[in-house]
Amino acid sequence: MSLKGLTPFNTLFYIKTVMLSQLNKDIDYCTRVLGCNAEQTDELIQAAEVLTVNAEYFCEEFIVAPDGENAMKYQREDFIDLDAFNSFHGIYFEEVE
């Protein structure tokens, strides 16, 4: 939907609708995918809002596992595979001893 030709009232309504839609997506992601309770969901969404990103992006990019845990268990299987990315773009690393 284009904002062109919208009145100030319609524009405000559109922006509120988009924001509420994203908030619902964030709550759904936090509760269904991550299993967060209400307090954890609120904290996670607030942290994501500080960076002006959605909750899923925040988790995929910034969540770090506690000591002794594998952080990859929090990542989606279909999220970027660095080995595949590097291979596709011809990026190779050599270890120097």
C-alpha atoms as a PDB file:
ATOM      1  CA  MET A   1       0.000   0.000   0.000  1.00  0.00           C
ATOM      2  CA  SER A   2       1.349   3.387  -0.964  1.00  0.00           C
ATOM      3  CA  LEU A   3       1.129   6.358   1.376  1.00  0.00           C
ATOM      4  CA  LYS A   4       0.638   8.710  -1.586  1.00  0.00           C
ATOM      5  CA  GLY A   5      -2.727  10.434  -1.552  1.00  0.00           C
ATOM      6  CA  LEU A   6      -3.587   9.477   2.015  1.00  0.00           C
ATOM      7  CA  THR A   7      -4.965  12.054   4.404  1.00  0.00           C
ATOM      8  CA  PRO A   8      -3.125  12.639   7.704  1.00  0.00           C
ATOM      9  CA  PHE A   9      -5.798  10.609   9.507  1.00  0.00           C
ATOM     10  CA  ASN A  10      -5.507   7.695   7.073  1.00  0.00           C
ATOM     11  CA  THR A  11      -1.717   7.839   7.258  1.00  0.00           C
ATOM     12  CA  LEU A  12      -1.798   7.697  11.053  1.00  0.00           C
ATOM     13  CA  PHE A  13      -4.267   4.795  10.906  1.00  0.00           C
ATOM     14  CA  TYR A  14      -1.995   2.961   8.431  1.00  0.00           C
ATOM     15  CA  ILE A  15       1.088   3.468  10.620  1.00  0.00           C
ATOM     16  CA  LYS A  16      -0.749   2.274  13.747  1.00  0.00           C
ATOM     17  CA  THR A  17      -2.032  -0.773  11.862  1.00  0.00           C
ATOM     18  CA  VAL A  18       1.474  -1.695  10.690  1.00  0.00           C
ATOM     19  CA  MET A  19       2.916  -1.204  14.181  1.00  0.00           C
ATOM     20  CA  LEU A  20       0.202  -3.321  15.817  1.00  0.00           C
ATOM     21  CA  SER A  21       0.656  -6.022  13.195  1.00  0.00           C
ATOM     22  CA  GLN A  22       4.403  -6.176  13.926  1.00  0.00           C
ATOM     23  CA  LEU A  23       3.769  -6.200  17.658  1.00  0.00           C
ATOM     24  CA  ASN A  24       1.437  -9.180  17.226  1.00  0.00           C
ATOM     25  CA  LYS A  25       4.089 -10.966  15.154  1.00  0.00           C
ATOM     26  CA  ASP A  26       6.715 -10.237  17.809  1.00  0.00           C
ATOM     27  CA  ILE A  27       4.495 -11.528  20.624  1.00  0.00           C
ATOM     28  CA  ASP A  28       3.675 -14.658  18.617  1.00  0.00           C
ATOM     29  CA  TYR A  29       7.366 -15.304  17.885  1.00  0.00           C
ATOM     30  CA  CYS A  30       8.389 -14.809  21.515  1.00  0.00           C
ATOM     31  CA  THR A  31       5.663 -17.012  22.969  1.00  0.00           C
ATOM     32  CA  ARG A  32       5.297 -19.769  20.371  1.00  0.00           C
ATOM     33  CA  VAL A  33       8.814 -20.120  19.006  1.00  0.00           C
ATOM     34  CA  LEU A  34      10.930 -19.124  21.991  1.00  0.00           C
ATOM     35  CA  GLY A  35       8.516 -20.173  24.740  1.00  0.00           C
ATOM     36  CA  CYS A  36       8.841 -16.873  26.618  1.00  0.00           C
ATOM     37  CA  ASN A  37       6.464 -15.881  29.384  1.00  0.00           C
ATOM     38  CA  ALA A  38       4.831 -12.410  29.416  1.00  0.00           C
ATOM     39  CA  GLU A  39       7.679 -10.741  31.306  1.00  0.00           C
ATOM     40  CA  GLN A  40      10.371 -12.247  29.055  1.00  0.00           C
ATOM     41  CA  THR A  41       8.371 -11.324  25.945  1.00  0.00           C
ATOM     42  CA  ASP A  42       8.046  -7.722  27.098  1.00  0.00           C
ATOM     43  CA  GLU A  43      11.766  -7.500  27.879  1.00  0.00           C
ATOM     44  CA  LEU A  44      12.755  -8.989  24.518  1.00  0.00           C
ATOM     45  CA  ILE A  45      10.451  -6.720  22.505  1.00  0.00           C
ATOM     46  CA  GLN A  46      11.700  -3.649  24.381  1.00  0.00           C
ATOM     47  CA  ALA A  47      15.313  -4.603  23.661  1.00  0.00           C
ATOM     48  CA  ALA A  48      14.494  -5.052  19.968  1.00  0.00           C
ATOM     49  CA  GLU A  49      12.671  -1.712  19.840  1.00  0.00           C
ATOM     50  CA  VAL A  50      15.751   0.084  21.194  1.00  0.00           C
ATOM     51  CA  LEU A  51      17.587  -1.101  18.072  1.00  0.00           C
ATOM     52  CA  THR A  52      14.502  -0.457  15.889  1.00  0.00           C
ATOM     53  CA  VAL A  53      14.310  -4.070  14.719  1.00  0.00           C
ATOM     54  CA  ASN A  54      11.691  -6.782  15.183  1.00  0.00           C
ATOM     55  CA  ALA A  55      12.028  -9.464  17.846  1.00  0.00           C
ATOM     56  CA  GLU A  56      12.874 -12.295  15.448  1.00  0.00           C
ATOM     57  CA  TYR A  57      15.689 -10.336  13.803  1.00  0.00           C
ATOM     58  CA  PHE A  58      16.982  -9.305  17.212  1.00  0.00           C
ATOM     59  CA  CYS A  59      17.136 -12.937  18.349  1.00  0.00           C
ATOM     60  CA  GLU A  60      18.717 -14.179  15.126  1.00  0.00           C
ATOM     61  CA  GLU A  61      21.443 -11.534  15.214  1.00  0.00           C
ATOM     62  CA  PHE A  62      22.118 -10.696  18.840  1.00  0.00           C
ATOM     63  CA  ILE A  63      21.220 -13.583  21.147  1.00  0.00           C
ATOM     64  CA  VAL A  64      24.281 -15.124  22.758  1.00  0.00           C
ATOM     65  CA  ALA A  65      24.037 -18.363  24.707  1.00  0.00           C
ATOM     66  CA  PRO A  66      25.147 -18.595  28.324  1.00  0.00           C
ATOM     67  CA  ASP A  67      28.485 -20.241  29.085  1.00  0.00           C
ATOM     68  CA  GLY A  68      28.457 -23.946  28.340  1.00  0.00           C
ATOM     69  CA  GLU A  69      25.488 -23.748  25.929  1.00  0.00           C
ATOM     70  CA  ASN A  70      25.535 -23.903  22.154  1.00  0.00           C
ATOM     71  CA  ALA A  71      24.192 -20.609  20.742  1.00  0.00           C
ATOM     72  CA  MET A  72      23.250 -22.340  17.500  1.00  0.00           C
ATOM     73  CA  LYS A  73      20.305 -24.026  19.203  1.00  0.00           C
ATOM     74  CA  TYR A  74      18.633 -20.596  19.190  1.00  0.00           C
ATOM     75  CA  GLN A  75      19.184 -20.083  15.450  1.00  0.00           C
ATOM     76  CA  ARG A  76      16.764 -21.082  12.698  1.00  0.00           C
ATOM     77  CA  GLU A  77      17.913 -23.923  10.466  1.00  0.00           C
ATOM     78  CA  ASP A  78      17.231 -21.870   7.324  1.00  0.00           C
ATOM     79  CA  PHE A  79      19.168 -18.842   8.543  1.00  0.00           C
ATOM     80  CA  ILE A  80      22.415 -17.941   6.800  1.00  0.00           C
ATOM     81  CA  ASP A  81      25.024 -20.674   6.618  1.00  0.00           C
ATOM     82  CA  LEU A  82      28.387 -18.901   6.717  1.00  0.00           C
ATOM     83  CA  ASP A  83      30.248 -21.728   4.992  1.00  0.00           C
ATOM     84  CA  ALA A  84      27.761 -21.706   2.098  1.00  0.00           C
ATOM     85  CA  PHE A  85      27.849 -17.892   1.944  1.00  0.00           C
ATOM     86  CA  ASN A  86      31.658 -17.788   1.855  1.00  0.00           C
ATOM     87  CA  SER A  87      31.817 -20.536  -0.755  1.00  0.00           C
ATOM     88  CA  PHE A  88      29.244 -18.809  -2.959  1.00  0.00           C
ATOM     89  CA  HIS A  89      31.151 -15.526  -2.826  1.00  0.00           C
ATOM     90  CA  GLY A  90      34.588 -17.119  -3.156  1.00  0.00           C
ATOM     91  CA  ILE A  91      35.735 -16.134   0.301  1.00  0.00           C
ATOM     92  CA  TYR A  92      38.343 -18.495   1.687  1.00  0.00           C
ATOM     93  CA  PHE A  93      40.268 -18.274   4.906  1.00  0.00           C
ATOM     94  CA  GLU A  94      43.676 -19.745   5.520  1.00  0.00           C
ATOM     95  CA  GLU A  95      44.911 -20.376   9.010  1.00  0.00           C
ATOM     96  CA  VAL A  96      48.359 -18.953   9.654  1.00  0.00           C
ATOM     97  CA  GLU A  97      50.452 -20.697  12.244  1.00  0.00           C
END
